[in-house]
C-alpha atoms as a PDB file:
ATOM      1  CA  MET A   1      -0.132  -0.113  -0.140  1.00  0.00           C
ATOM      2  CA  LYS A   2       1.349   3.449  -0.975  1.00  0.00           C
ATOM      3  CA  LYS A   3       2.201   5.622   2.023  1.00  0.00           C
ATOM      4  CA  PRO A   4      -0.275   8.742   2.361  1.00  0.00           C
ATOM      5  CA  THR A   5       0.699  12.182   2.126  1.00  0.00           C
ATOM      6  CA  ILE A   6       0.354  14.416   5.389  1.00  0.00           C
ATOM      7  CA  LYS A   7      -2.802  16.032   3.394  1.00  0.00           C
ATOM      8  CA  GLU A   8      -4.620  12.651   3.135  1.00  0.00           C
ATOM      9  CA  ASP A   9      -7.297  11.722   5.605  1.00  0.00           C
ATOM     10  CA  GLU A  10      -6.491  10.017   8.912  1.00  0.00           C
ATOM     11  CA  THR A  11      -8.261   6.720   7.949  1.00  0.00           C
ATOM     12  CA  ALA A  12      -5.864   6.121   5.135  1.00  0.00           C
ATOM     13  CA  SER A  13      -2.817   6.846   7.289  1.00  0.00           C
ATOM     14  CA  LYS A  14      -3.894   4.573   9.898  1.00  0.00           C
ATOM     15  CA  GLU A  15      -4.688   1.774   7.411  1.00  0.00           C
ATOM     16  CA  TRP A  16      -0.966   2.358   5.942  1.00  0.00           C
ATOM     17  CA  ILE A  17       0.518   2.259   9.582  1.00  0.00           C
ATOM     18  CA  ASN A  18      -1.357  -0.830  10.375  1.00  0.00           C
ATOM     19  CA  GLN A  19      -0.688  -2.775   7.237  1.00  0.00           C
ATOM     20  CA  THR A  20       3.192  -1.737   7.553  1.00  0.00           C
ATOM     21  CA  LEU A  21       3.457  -2.643  11.147  1.00  0.00           C
ATOM     22  CA  ARG A  22       1.758  -5.875  10.826  1.00  0.00           C
ATOM     23  CA  LYS A  23       4.530  -6.784   8.224  1.00  0.00           C
ATOM     24  CA  ILE A  24       7.230  -5.712  10.682  1.00  0.00           C
ATOM     25  CA  TYR A  25       5.515  -7.684  13.530  1.00  0.00           C
ATOM     26  CA  ARG A  26       5.622 -10.776  11.541  1.00  0.00           C
ATOM     27  CA  LYS A  27       9.400 -10.602  10.756  1.00  0.00           C
ATOM     28  CA  MET A  28       9.905  -9.679  14.479  1.00  0.00           C
ATOM     29  CA  VAL A  29       8.395 -13.161  15.670  1.00  0.00           C
ATOM     30  CA  GLU A  30      10.196 -14.866  12.814  1.00  0.00           C
ATOM     31  CA  MET A  31      13.581 -13.262  13.888  1.00  0.00           C
ATOM     32  CA  TYR A  32      13.326 -13.602  17.753  1.00  0.00           C
ATOM     33  CA  ASN A  33      11.174 -16.800  17.906  1.00  0.00           C
ATOM     34  CA  ILE A  34       8.918 -15.161  20.611  1.00  0.00           C
ATOM     35  CA  ASP A  35       5.136 -15.487  20.010  1.00  0.00           C
ATOM     36  CA  PHE A  36       3.313 -12.180  21.216  1.00  0.00           C
ATOM     37  CA  THR A  37       0.109 -10.764  19.839  1.00  0.00           C
ATOM     38  CA  TYR A  38      -0.184  -7.801  17.708  1.00  0.00           C
ATOM     39  CA  PHE A  39      -1.912  -4.659  18.927  1.00  0.00           C
ATOM     40  CA  ARG A  40      -5.768  -5.105  19.089  1.00  0.00           C
ATOM     41  CA  ASP A  41      -6.241  -1.596  17.676  1.00  0.00           C
ATOM     42  CA  ILE A  42      -4.261   1.494  16.597  1.00  0.00           C
ATOM     43  CA  LYS A  43      -5.662   5.000  17.675  1.00  0.00           C
ATOM     44  CA  ILE A  44      -4.468   8.511  16.608  1.00  0.00           C
ATOM     45  CA  ILE A  45      -5.079  10.962  19.284  1.00  0.00           C
ATOM     46  CA  ARG A  46      -4.295  14.702  20.194  1.00  0.00           C
ATOM     47  CA  GLN A  47      -1.490  15.450  22.552  1.00  0.00           C
ATOM     48  CA  SER A  48      -3.627  16.924  25.003  1.00  0.00           C
ATOM     49  CA  GLU A  49      -5.334  13.401  25.162  1.00  0.00           C
ATOM     50  CA  ILE A  50      -2.027  11.630  25.588  1.00  0.00           C
ATOM     51  CA  LEU A  51      -1.156  13.758  28.435  1.00  0.00           C
ATOM     52  CA  LYS A  52      -4.418  13.106  29.939  1.00  0.00           C
ATOM     53  CA  GLN A  53      -4.052   9.319  29.307  1.00  0.00           C
ATOM     54  CA  LEU A  54      -0.346   9.108  30.564  1.00  0.00           C
ATOM     55  CA  THR A  55      -1.474  10.761  33.904  1.00  0.00           C
ATOM     56  CA  GLU A  56      -4.477   8.632  34.490  1.00  0.00           C
ATOM     57  CA  ARG A  57      -2.243   5.488  33.997  1.00  0.00           C
ATOM     58  CA  MET A  58       0.257   6.996  36.643  1.00  0.00           C
ATOM     59  CA  ARG A  59      -2.661   7.789  39.087  1.00  0.00           C
ATOM     60  CA  ASN A  60      -4.073   4.114  38.419  1.00  0.00           C
ATOM     61  CA  ASN A  61      -0.670   2.540  38.943  1.00  0.00           C
ATOM     62  CA  LEU A  62      -0.070   4.303  42.220  1.00  0.00           C
ATOM     63  CA  LYS A  63      -3.484   3.403  43.212  1.00  0.00           C
ATOM     64  CA  GLU A  64      -2.814  -0.334  42.864  1.00  0.00           C
ATOM     65  CA  ASN A  65       0.303   0.204  44.910  1.00  0.00           C
ATOM     66  CA  GLY A  66      -1.906   1.926  47.753  1.00  0.00           C
ATOM     67  CA  ILE A  67      -0.769   5.582  46.963  1.00  0.00           C
ATOM     68  CA  ILE A  68      -3.909   7.887  46.843  1.00  0.00           C
ATOM     69  CA  CYS A  69      -3.206  11.543  45.758  1.00  0.00           C
ATOM     70  CA  SER A  70      -5.791  14.292  46.025  1.00  0.00           C
ATOM     71  CA  ASP A  71      -7.277  15.992  42.996  1.00  0.00           C
ATOM     72  CA  VAL A  72      -5.290  19.034  43.609  1.00  0.00           C
ATOM     73  CA  GLN A  73      -2.197  17.121  43.375  1.00  0.00           C
ATOM     74  CA  TRP A  74      -2.953  15.448  40.288  1.00  0.00           C
ATOM     75  CA  LYS A  75      -4.096  18.616  38.734  1.00  0.00           C
ATOM     76  CA  GLN A  76      -0.503  19.797  39.648  1.00  0.00           C
ATOM     77  CA  ILE A  77       1.064  16.823  38.169  1.00  0.00           C
ATOM     78  CA  SER A  78      -0.913  17.327  34.760  1.00  0.00           C
ATOM     79  CA  GLU A  79       0.030  21.047  34.708  1.00  0.00           C
ATOM     80  CA  SER A  80       3.883  19.813  35.259  1.00  0.00           C
ATOM     81  CA  LEU A  81       3.565  17.589  32.393  1.00  0.00           C
ATOM     82  CA  SER A  82       2.102  19.903  30.029  1.00  0.00           C
ATOM     83  CA  LYS A  83       4.402  22.723  30.847  1.00  0.00           C
ATOM     84  CA  ASN A  84       7.668  20.585  31.036  1.00  0.00           C
ATOM     85  CA  PRO A  85      10.701  21.584  28.851  1.00  0.00           C
ATOM     86  CA  ALA A  86      10.703  18.251  27.215  1.00  0.00           C
ATOM     87  CA  THR A  87       7.046  18.556  26.117  1.00  0.00           C
ATOM     88  CA  TRP A  88       8.577  18.362  22.609  1.00  0.00           C
ATOM     89  CA  PHE A  89       8.968  14.689  23.337  1.00  0.00           C
ATOM     90  CA  PHE A  90       5.399  14.151  23.199  1.00  0.00           C
ATOM     91  CA  GLU A  91       5.107  15.145  19.780  1.00  0.00           C
ATOM     92  CA  ASN A  92       6.827  12.322  18.529  1.00  0.00           C
ATOM     93  CA  LEU A  93       4.988   9.651  20.950  1.00  0.00           C
ATOM     94  CA  ALA A  94       3.539   6.635  20.627  1.00  0.00           C
ATOM     95  CA  PHE A  95       2.642   4.242  23.445  1.00  0.00           C
ATOM     96  CA  TYR A  96       1.273   0.957  23.938  1.00  0.00           C
ATOM     97  CA  ASN A  97      -1.413   0.486  26.747  1.00  0.00           C
ATOM     98  CA  PRO A  98      -1.527  -2.985  28.236  1.00  0.00           C
ATOM     99  CA  GLU A  99      -4.885  -2.399  29.693  1.00  0.00           C
ATOM    100  CA  ASP A 100      -6.736  -2.260  26.435  1.00  0.00           C
ATOM    101  CA  ASP A 101      -3.963  -3.438  24.091  1.00  0.00           C
ATOM    102  CA  VAL A 102      -3.941  -0.444  21.737  1.00  0.00           C
ATOM    103  CA  LEU A 103      -1.238   1.660  20.492  1.00  0.00           C
ATOM    104  CA  TYR A 104      -1.854   5.291  20.707  1.00  0.00           C
ATOM    105  CA  MET A 105      -0.025   7.952  18.618  1.00  0.00           C
ATOM    106  CA  ASN A 106       0.267  11.635  18.469  1.00  0.00           C
ATOM    107  CA  GLU A 107      -1.603  13.102  15.657  1.00  0.00           C
ATOM    108  CA  LYS A 108       1.166  15.856  15.591  1.00  0.00           C
ATOM    109  CA  MET A 109       3.847  13.278  14.534  1.00  0.00           C
ATOM    110  CA  LEU A 110       1.558  12.573  11.237  1.00  0.00           C
ATOM    111  CA  LYS A 111       1.539  15.934  10.298  1.00  0.00           C
ATOM    112  CA  ASN A 112       4.941  17.295  11.313  1.00  0.00           C
ATOM    113  CA  HIS A 113       7.158  14.043  11.497  1.00  0.00           C
ATOM    114  CA  PRO A 114       5.976  11.388   9.308  1.00  0.00           C
ATOM    115  CA  GLU A 115       9.261   9.747   8.885  1.00  0.00           C
ATOM    116  CA  LYS A 116       9.159   9.066  12.575  1.00  0.00           C
ATOM    117  CA  ILE A 117       6.195   6.853  12.565  1.00  0.00           C
ATOM    118  CA  ILE A 118       7.082   3.451  11.663  1.00  0.00           C
ATOM    119  CA  PRO A 119      10.490   3.437  13.801  1.00  0.00           C
ATOM    120  CA  VAL A 120       8.411   4.912  16.683  1.00  0.00           C
ATOM    121  CA  CYS A 121       5.720   2.353  16.346  1.00  0.00           C
ATOM    122  CA  THR A 122       8.326  -0.441  15.909  1.00  0.00           C
ATOM    123  CA  HIS A 123       9.699   0.747  19.121  1.00  0.00           C
ATOM    124  CA  GLU A 124       6.434  -0.168  20.795  1.00  0.00           C
ATOM    125  CA  LEU A 125       6.218  -3.278  19.241  1.00  0.00           C
ATOM    126  CA  SER A 126       9.583  -4.322  20.686  1.00  0.00           C
ATOM    127  CA  GLU A 127       8.226  -3.017  24.147  1.00  0.00           C
ATOM    128  CA  LYS A 128       5.356  -5.493  23.464  1.00  0.00           C
ATOM    129  CA  LEU A 129       7.797  -8.387  22.601  1.00  0.00           C
ATOM    130  CA  LEU A 130       9.790  -7.620  25.717  1.00  0.00           C
ATOM    131  CA  SER A 131       6.678  -7.558  28.225  1.00  0.00           C
ATOM    132  CA  THR A 132       5.932 -11.034  26.805  1.00  0.00           C
ATOM    133  CA  TYR A 133       9.508 -12.323  27.237  1.00  0.00           C
ATOM    134  CA  LEU A 134      10.390 -10.861  30.636  1.00  0.00           C
ATOM    135  CA  PRO A 135       9.331 -11.898  34.124  1.00  0.00           C
ATOM    136  CA  SER A 136       6.410  -9.655  35.777  1.00  0.00           C
ATOM    137  CA  ASN A 137       8.660  -8.647  38.559  1.00  0.00           C
ATOM    138  CA  LEU A 138      11.066  -6.638  35.942  1.00  0.00           C
ATOM    139  CA  LYS A 139       8.004  -4.325  35.140  1.00  0.00           C
ATOM    140  CA  THR A 140       7.036  -3.045  38.549  1.00  0.00           C
ATOM    141  CA  SER A 141      10.361  -1.468  39.586  1.00  0.00           C
ATOM    142  CA  THR A 142       8.915   1.996  39.065  1.00  0.00           C
ATOM    143  CA  HIS A 143       6.124   1.508  41.233  1.00  0.00           C
ATOM    144  CA  VAL A 144       8.233   0.249  43.834  1.00  0.00           C
ATOM    145  CA  LEU A 145      10.364   3.530  43.449  1.00  0.00           C
ATOM    146  CA  VAL A 146       7.462   5.998  43.614  1.00  0.00           C
ATOM    147  CA  LYS A 147       6.035   4.043  46.642  1.00  0.00           C
ATOM    148  CA  ALA A 148       9.444   4.196  48.411  1.00  0.00           C
ATOM    149  CA  TYR A 149       9.582   8.064  47.553  1.00  0.00           C
ATOM    150  CA  VAL A 150       6.220   8.951  48.888  1.00  0.00           C
ATOM    151  CA  GLU A 151       6.817   7.145  52.216  1.00  0.00           C
ATOM    152  CA  ALA A 152      10.262   8.652  52.653  1.00  0.00           C
ATOM    153  CA  GLU A 153       8.671  11.830  52.332  1.00  0.00           C
ATOM    154  CA  LYS A 154       5.954  11.145  54.739  1.00  0.00           C
ATOM    155  CA  THR A 155       8.202  10.190  57.455  1.00  0.00           C
ATOM    156  CA  ASN A 156      10.728  12.968  56.574  1.00  0.00           C
ATOM    157  CA  ASN A 157      13.448  10.323  57.165  1.00  0.00           C
ATOM    158  CA  PRO A 158      16.827  11.588  55.565  1.00  0.00           C
ATOM    159  CA  ARG A 159      18.152   7.748  55.840  1.00  0.00           C
ATOM    160  CA  LYS A 160      15.159   6.554  53.857  1.00  0.00           C
ATOM    161  CA  LEU A 161      15.911   9.262  51.325  1.00  0.00           C
ATOM    162  CA  HIS A 162      19.619   7.951  51.093  1.00  0.00           C
ATOM    163  CA  GLU A 163      18.422   4.363  50.481  1.00  0.00           C
ATOM    164  CA  LEU A 164      15.788   5.742  47.889  1.00  0.00           C
ATOM    165  CA  LEU A 165      18.747   7.189  45.793  1.00  0.00           C
ATOM    166  CA  ASN A 166      20.516   4.052  45.768  1.00  0.00           C
ATOM    167  CA  MET A 167      17.510   2.151  44.661  1.00  0.00           C
ATOM    168  CA  SER A 168      16.520   4.794  42.177  1.00  0.00           C
ATOM    169  CA  VAL A 169      19.963   4.838  40.311  1.00  0.00           C
ATOM    170  CA  ASP A 170      19.821   1.199  40.033  1.00  0.00           C
ATOM    171  CA  ILE A 171      16.159   1.518  38.341  1.00  0.00           C
ATOM    172  CA  VAL A 172      17.577   4.326  36.074  1.00  0.00           C
ATOM    173  CA  PHE A 173      20.061   2.194  34.822  1.00  0.00           C
ATOM    174  CA  LYS A 174      18.038  -0.837  34.138  1.00  0.00           C
ATOM    175  CA  SER A 175      15.383   1.304  32.732  1.00  0.00           C
ATOM    176  CA  VAL A 176      17.780   3.145  30.177  1.00  0.00           C
ATOM    177  CA  PHE A 177      18.995  -0.505  29.174  1.00  0.00           C
ATOM    178  CA  LYS A 178      15.529  -1.629  28.545  1.00  0.00           C
ATOM    179  CA  GLU A 179      14.711   1.278  26.425  1.00  0.00           C
ATOM    180  CA  GLY A 180      18.002   0.614  24.467  1.00  0.00           C
ATOM    181  CA  ILE A 181      16.977  -2.844  23.897  1.00  0.00           C
ATOM    182  CA  CYS A 182      13.670  -1.925  22.471  1.00  0.00           C
ATOM    183  CA  GLU A 183      15.699   0.636  20.065  1.00  0.00           C
ATOM    184  CA  ALA A 184      18.204  -2.189  19.078  1.00  0.00           C
ATOM    185  CA  VAL A 185      15.455  -4.709  18.429  1.00  0.00           C
ATOM    186  CA  THR A 186      13.608  -1.852  16.311  1.00  0.00           C
ATOM    187  CA  LEU A 187      16.536  -1.404  13.993  1.00  0.00           C
ATOM    188  CA  GLN A 188      17.633  -4.926  13.809  1.00  0.00           C
ATOM    189  CA  THR A 189      14.170  -5.736  12.620  1.00  0.00           C
ATOM    190  CA  LEU A 190      13.650  -2.909  10.360  1.00  0.00           C
ATOM    191  CA  ARG A 191      16.863  -3.937   8.571  1.00  0.00           C
ATOM    192  CA  HIS A 192      15.408  -7.279   7.555  1.00  0.00           C
ATOM    193  CA  ALA A 193      11.751  -6.169   7.187  1.00  0.00           C
ATOM    194  CA  ASP A 194      11.804  -2.842   5.212  1.00  0.00           C
ATOM    195  CA  PRO A 195      14.700  -2.400   2.923  1.00  0.00           C
ATOM    196  CA  GLU A 196      13.566   1.024   2.030  1.00  0.00           C
ATOM    197  CA  MET A 197      13.684   2.177   5.689  1.00  0.00           C
ATOM    198  CA  LYS A 198      16.929   4.476   6.251  1.00  0.00           C
ATOM    199  CA  VAL A 199      18.223   2.418   9.131  1.00  0.00           C
ATOM    200  CA  GLU A 200      21.690   4.065   9.002  1.00  0.00           C
ATOM    201  CA  SER A 201      20.226   7.370   9.346  1.00  0.00           C
ATOM    202  CA  LEU A 202      18.457   6.450  12.397  1.00  0.00           C
ATOM    203  CA  GLU A 203      21.179   4.752  13.813  1.00  0.00           C
ATOM    204  CA  LYS A 204      23.555   7.892  13.254  1.00  0.00           C
ATOM    205  CA  GLU A 205      20.984  10.022  15.193  1.00  0.00           C
ATOM    206  CA  LEU A 206      21.104   7.595  18.087  1.00  0.00           C
ATOM    207  CA  GLU A 207      24.749   7.786  18.263  1.00  0.00           C
ATOM    208  CA  ILE A 208      24.720  11.401  17.928  1.00  0.00           C
ATOM    209  CA  GLY A 209      22.088  11.614  20.908  1.00  0.00           C
ATOM    210  CA  HIS A 210      24.175   9.272  22.935  1.00  0.00           C
ATOM    211  CA  SER A 211      27.408  11.165  22.650  1.00  0.00           C
ATOM    212  CA  LYS A 212      25.546  14.342  23.784  1.00  0.00           C
ATOM    213  CA  CYS A 213      23.678  12.819  26.657  1.00  0.00           C
ATOM    214  CA  ILE A 214      26.049  10.064  28.265  1.00  0.00           C
ATOM    215  CA  ASP A 215      27.329  12.634  30.880  1.00  0.00           C
ATOM    216  CA  ILE A 216      23.917  12.603  32.718  1.00  0.00           C
ATOM    217  CA  LEU A 217      24.475   9.189  33.774  1.00  0.00           C
ATOM    218  CA  PHE A 218      27.837   9.829  35.231  1.00  0.00           C
ATOM    219  CA  ASP A 219      26.153  12.911  37.017  1.00  0.00           C
ATOM    220  CA  LEU A 220      23.831  10.362  38.653  1.00  0.00           C
ATOM    221  CA  GLU A 221      26.709   8.381  39.964  1.00  0.00           C
ATOM    222  CA  LYS A 222      28.266  11.533  41.272  1.00  0.00           C
ATOM    223  CA  ALA A 223      25.212  12.431  43.032  1.00  0.00           C
ATOM    224  CA  LYS A 224      24.908   9.056  44.466  1.00  0.00           C
ATOM    225  CA  ARG A 225      28.484   9.308  45.694  1.00  0.00           C
ATOM    226  CA  ASN A 226      27.948  12.690  47.137  1.00  0.00           C
ATOM    227  CA  VAL A 227      25.041  11.616  49.116  1.00  0.00           C
ATOM    228  CA  ASP A 228      26.791   8.364  50.443  1.00  0.00           C
ATOM    229  CA  ALA A 229      29.558  10.393  51.563  1.00  0.00           C
ATOM    230  CA  ILE A 230      27.674  12.772  53.489  1.00  0.00           C
ATOM    231  CA  GLU A 231      25.745   9.968  55.129  1.00  0.00           C
ATOM    232  CA  LYS A 232      29.011   8.356  56.015  1.00  0.00           C
ATOM    233  CA  ASN A 233      30.365  11.534  57.738  1.00  0.00           C
ATOM    234  CA  GLN A 234      27.181  12.141  59.635  1.00  0.00           C
ATOM    235  CA  ASN A 235      27.341   8.819  61.177  1.00  0.00           C
ATOM    236  CA  GLY A 236      30.345   9.958  63.201  1.00  0.00           C
ATOM    237  CA  LEU A 237      28.996  13.393  64.140  1.00  0.00           C
ATOM    238  CA  HIS A 238      26.460  14.431  66.816  1.00  0.00           C
ATOM    239  CA  GLY A 239      23.923  17.066  67.924  1.00  0.00           C
ATOM    240  CA  LYS A 240      23.589  20.275  65.754  1.00  0.00           C
ATOM    241  CA  ARG A 241      26.333  19.501  63.267  1.00  0.00           C
ATOM    242  CA  ARG A 242      24.950  16.140  62.479  1.00  0.00           C
ATOM    243  CA  LYS A 243      21.694  17.827  61.562  1.00  0.00           C
ATOM    244  CA  ILE A 244      23.013  20.149  58.963  1.00  0.00           C
ATOM    245  CA  GLN A 245      24.709  17.373  57.380  1.00  0.00           C
ATOM    246  CA  VAL A 246      21.651  15.619  56.886  1.00  0.00           C
ATOM    247  CA  THR A 247      19.776  18.610  55.554  1.00  0.00           C
ATOM    248  CA  ASP A 248      22.495  19.185  53.165  1.00  0.00           C
ATOM    249  CA  GLY A 249      22.172  15.630  51.931  1.00  0.00           C
ATOM    250  CA  GLU A 250      18.713  16.000  50.845  1.00  0.00           C
ATOM    251  CA  LYS A 251      19.215  18.477  48.217  1.00  0.00           C
ATOM    252  CA  PRO A 252      21.138  16.150  45.730  1.00  0.00           C
ATOM    253  CA  ILE A 253      18.485  13.489  46.177  1.00  0.00           C
ATOM    254  CA  LYS A 254      15.651  15.488  45.267  1.00  0.00           C
ATOM    255  CA  GLU A 255      17.505  17.033  42.293  1.00  0.00           C
ATOM    256  CA  THR A 256      18.423  13.686  41.145  1.00  0.00           C
ATOM    257  CA  LEU A 257      14.826  12.411  41.531  1.00  0.00           C
ATOM    258  CA  GLY A 258      13.688  15.412  39.528  1.00  0.00           C
ATOM    259  CA  SER A 259      15.855  14.627  36.486  1.00  0.00           C
ATOM    260  CA  PHE A 260      14.396  11.246  35.889  1.00  0.00           C
ATOM    261  CA  GLN A 261      11.826  12.264  33.467  1.00  0.00           C
ATOM    262  CA  ILE A 262      14.359  14.077  31.452  1.00  0.00           C
ATOM    263  CA  ILE A 263      16.164  10.814  31.384  1.00  0.00           C
ATOM    264  CA  LYS A 264      13.349   9.006  30.336  1.00  0.00           C
ATOM    265  CA  GLY A 265      12.957  11.371  27.321  1.00  0.00           C
ATOM    266  CA  ILE A 266      16.558  10.469  26.132  1.00  0.00           C
ATOM    267  CA  SER A 267      16.861   6.890  27.356  1.00  0.00           C
ATOM    268  CA  TYR A 268      16.749   5.407  23.811  1.00  0.00           C
ATOM    269  CA  TYR A 269      20.043   7.278  23.022  1.00  0.00           C
ATOM    270  CA  LEU A 270      21.570   6.386  26.167  1.00  0.00           C
ATOM    271  CA  GLY A 271      20.998   2.761  26.048  1.00  0.00           C
ATOM    272  CA  TYR A 272      21.172   1.925  22.387  1.00  0.00           C
ATOM    273  CA  PRO A 273      24.924   1.285  21.884  1.00  0.00           C
ATOM    274  CA  LEU A 274      25.159  -0.960  24.854  1.00  0.00           C
ATOM    275  CA  ALA A 275      21.968  -2.789  24.079  1.00  0.00           C
ATOM    276  CA  LYS A 276      23.009  -3.222  20.504  1.00  0.00           C
ATOM    277  CA  ALA A 277      26.401  -4.613  21.534  1.00  0.00           C
ATOM    278  CA  VAL A 278      24.707  -7.194  23.886  1.00  0.00           C
ATOM    279  CA  LEU A 279      22.158  -8.195  21.175  1.00  0.00           C
ATOM    280  CA  GLU A 280      24.603  -8.677  18.485  1.00  0.00           C
ATOM    281  CA  LYS A 281      26.922 -10.846  20.692  1.00  0.00           C
ATOM    282  CA  TYR A 282      24.402 -12.785  22.686  1.00  0.00           C
ATOM    283  CA  GLY A 283      20.868 -12.529  20.873  1.00  0.00           C
ATOM    284  CA  ILE A 284      17.622 -12.050  22.570  1.00  0.00           C
ATOM    285  CA  LYS A 285      18.520 -14.836  25.395  1.00  0.00           C
ATOM    286  CA  GLY A 286      21.592 -12.600  26.403  1.00  0.00           C
ATOM    287  CA  ILE A 287      19.432  -9.668  26.594  1.00  0.00           C
ATOM    288  CA  LYS A 288      16.966 -11.557  28.895  1.00  0.00           C
ATOM    289  CA  LEU A 289      20.039 -13.014  30.933  1.00  0.00           C
ATOM    290  CA  ALA A 290      21.535  -9.489  31.352  1.00  0.00           C
ATOM    291  CA  LEU A 291      18.235  -7.951  32.454  1.00  0.00           C
ATOM    292  CA  GLU A 292      17.259 -10.656  35.043  1.00  0.00           C
ATOM    293  CA  ASN A 293      20.616 -11.445  36.622  1.00  0.00           C
ATOM    294  CA  HIS A 294      23.055  -8.788  35.603  1.00  0.00           C
ATOM    295  CA  PRO A 295      21.713  -5.446  34.772  1.00  0.00           C
ATOM    296  CA  PRO A 296      24.320  -2.856  33.903  1.00  0.00           C
ATOM    297  CA  SER A 297      24.947  -0.749  37.065  1.00  0.00           C
ATOM    298  CA  LYS A 298      27.575   1.741  35.941  1.00  0.00           C
ATOM    299  CA  ALA A 299      27.663   4.511  33.700  1.00  0.00           C
ATOM    300  CA  GLN A 300      31.030   3.238  32.257  1.00  0.00           C
ATOM    301  CA  TYR A 301      29.136   0.358  30.655  1.00  0.00           C
ATOM    302  CA  PHE A 302      26.882   2.641  28.831  1.00  0.00           C
ATOM    303  CA  ALA A 303      29.828   4.643  27.516  1.00  0.00           C
ATOM    304  CA  GLU A 304      32.130   1.837  26.987  1.00  0.00           C
ATOM    305  CA  PRO A 305      30.143  -1.324  26.227  1.00  0.00           C
ATOM    306  CA  GLN A 306      32.956  -3.777  25.840  1.00  0.00           C
ATOM    307  CA  THR A 307      33.613  -2.998  29.417  1.00  0.00           C
ATOM    308  CA  TYR A 308      30.132  -4.687  30.114  1.00  0.00           C
ATOM    309  CA  LEU A 309      30.582  -7.467  27.458  1.00  0.00           C
ATOM    310  CA  ALA A 310      33.544  -8.616  29.194  1.00  0.00           C
ATOM    311  CA  LEU A 311      32.021  -8.646  32.515  1.00  0.00           C
ATOM    312  CA  LEU A 312      28.883 -10.502  31.088  1.00  0.00           C
ATOM    313  CA  GLU A 313      31.108 -13.265  29.474  1.00  0.00           C
ATOM    314  CA  LYS A 314      32.770 -13.828  32.508  1.00  0.00           C
ATOM    315  CA  LEU A 315      29.556 -14.201  34.486  1.00  0.00           C
ATOM    316  CA  ILE A 316      27.907 -16.456  31.974  1.00  0.00           C
ATOM    317  CA  ALA A 317      30.807 -18.841  31.822  1.00  0.00           C
ATOM    318  CA  PHE A 318      30.814 -18.782  35.742  1.00  0.00           C
ATOM    319  CA  GLU A 319      27.208 -19.752  35.720  1.00  0.00           C
ATOM    320  CA  GLU A 320      27.598 -22.389  32.994  1.00  0.00           C
END
């Protein structure tokens, strides 16, 4: 089917997307030998509806974990998302909702960035493949993190906040790696499924983004080391001085937690080179082993993938 122009109606665009994606889906099942289902439907929606849906999903996820926020708090969250400096990210956004098994995409992408449609939607197919392939306990880490953060704030316990930061950094590295895996699976599939797709240009874009953004992972490690040092120092101090040290330690924690939304928006860039290296050497089974048992936990691994591959090779040999 011929690709519609941006002037053609939404129905034609949706039909073209669906036919193209189904072809890519069949190739993905064939390549990775993982039997997962295609989307029940594809829906093209406005950016305001995307923000509404994402906020509602966040609210439901928290509610399932026993965290109830007021309407006022959710209004603030919605306003924060809509005014966030990274709002541009939503313009090229598609997301798969497992609750209704529907792929949603921003109508602005059809009008402003039609070249992004298939790569972005194929990424969501990769997300669906991973959700089938990985155990459920790897899907709930963000919920655990949010719950721990709310509880730490309620008790105003600095030590709990320090523990939270350690947990957060580990979750961020794993999340970045998973997003990189989806992008690696996407590009590897497109190379075989669609000869007309300019995969080289997509990969070049990821590599450029990676080089520009990689320092943010080292900043995370630096913040963690700073807080660890403060906690270590405060353990040997008493009275007023001890209290000052704890207060100073809370600032980098909150700053680091506040940067996670930005990291999510650039996680494809950050995780792609490492994920590609693991996928090419060990295949999808190696990816599963890495995520389940040996997730990358250092910024160095994302900057220099060979250092992680060497470690993973030793761990695999030891387990065998």
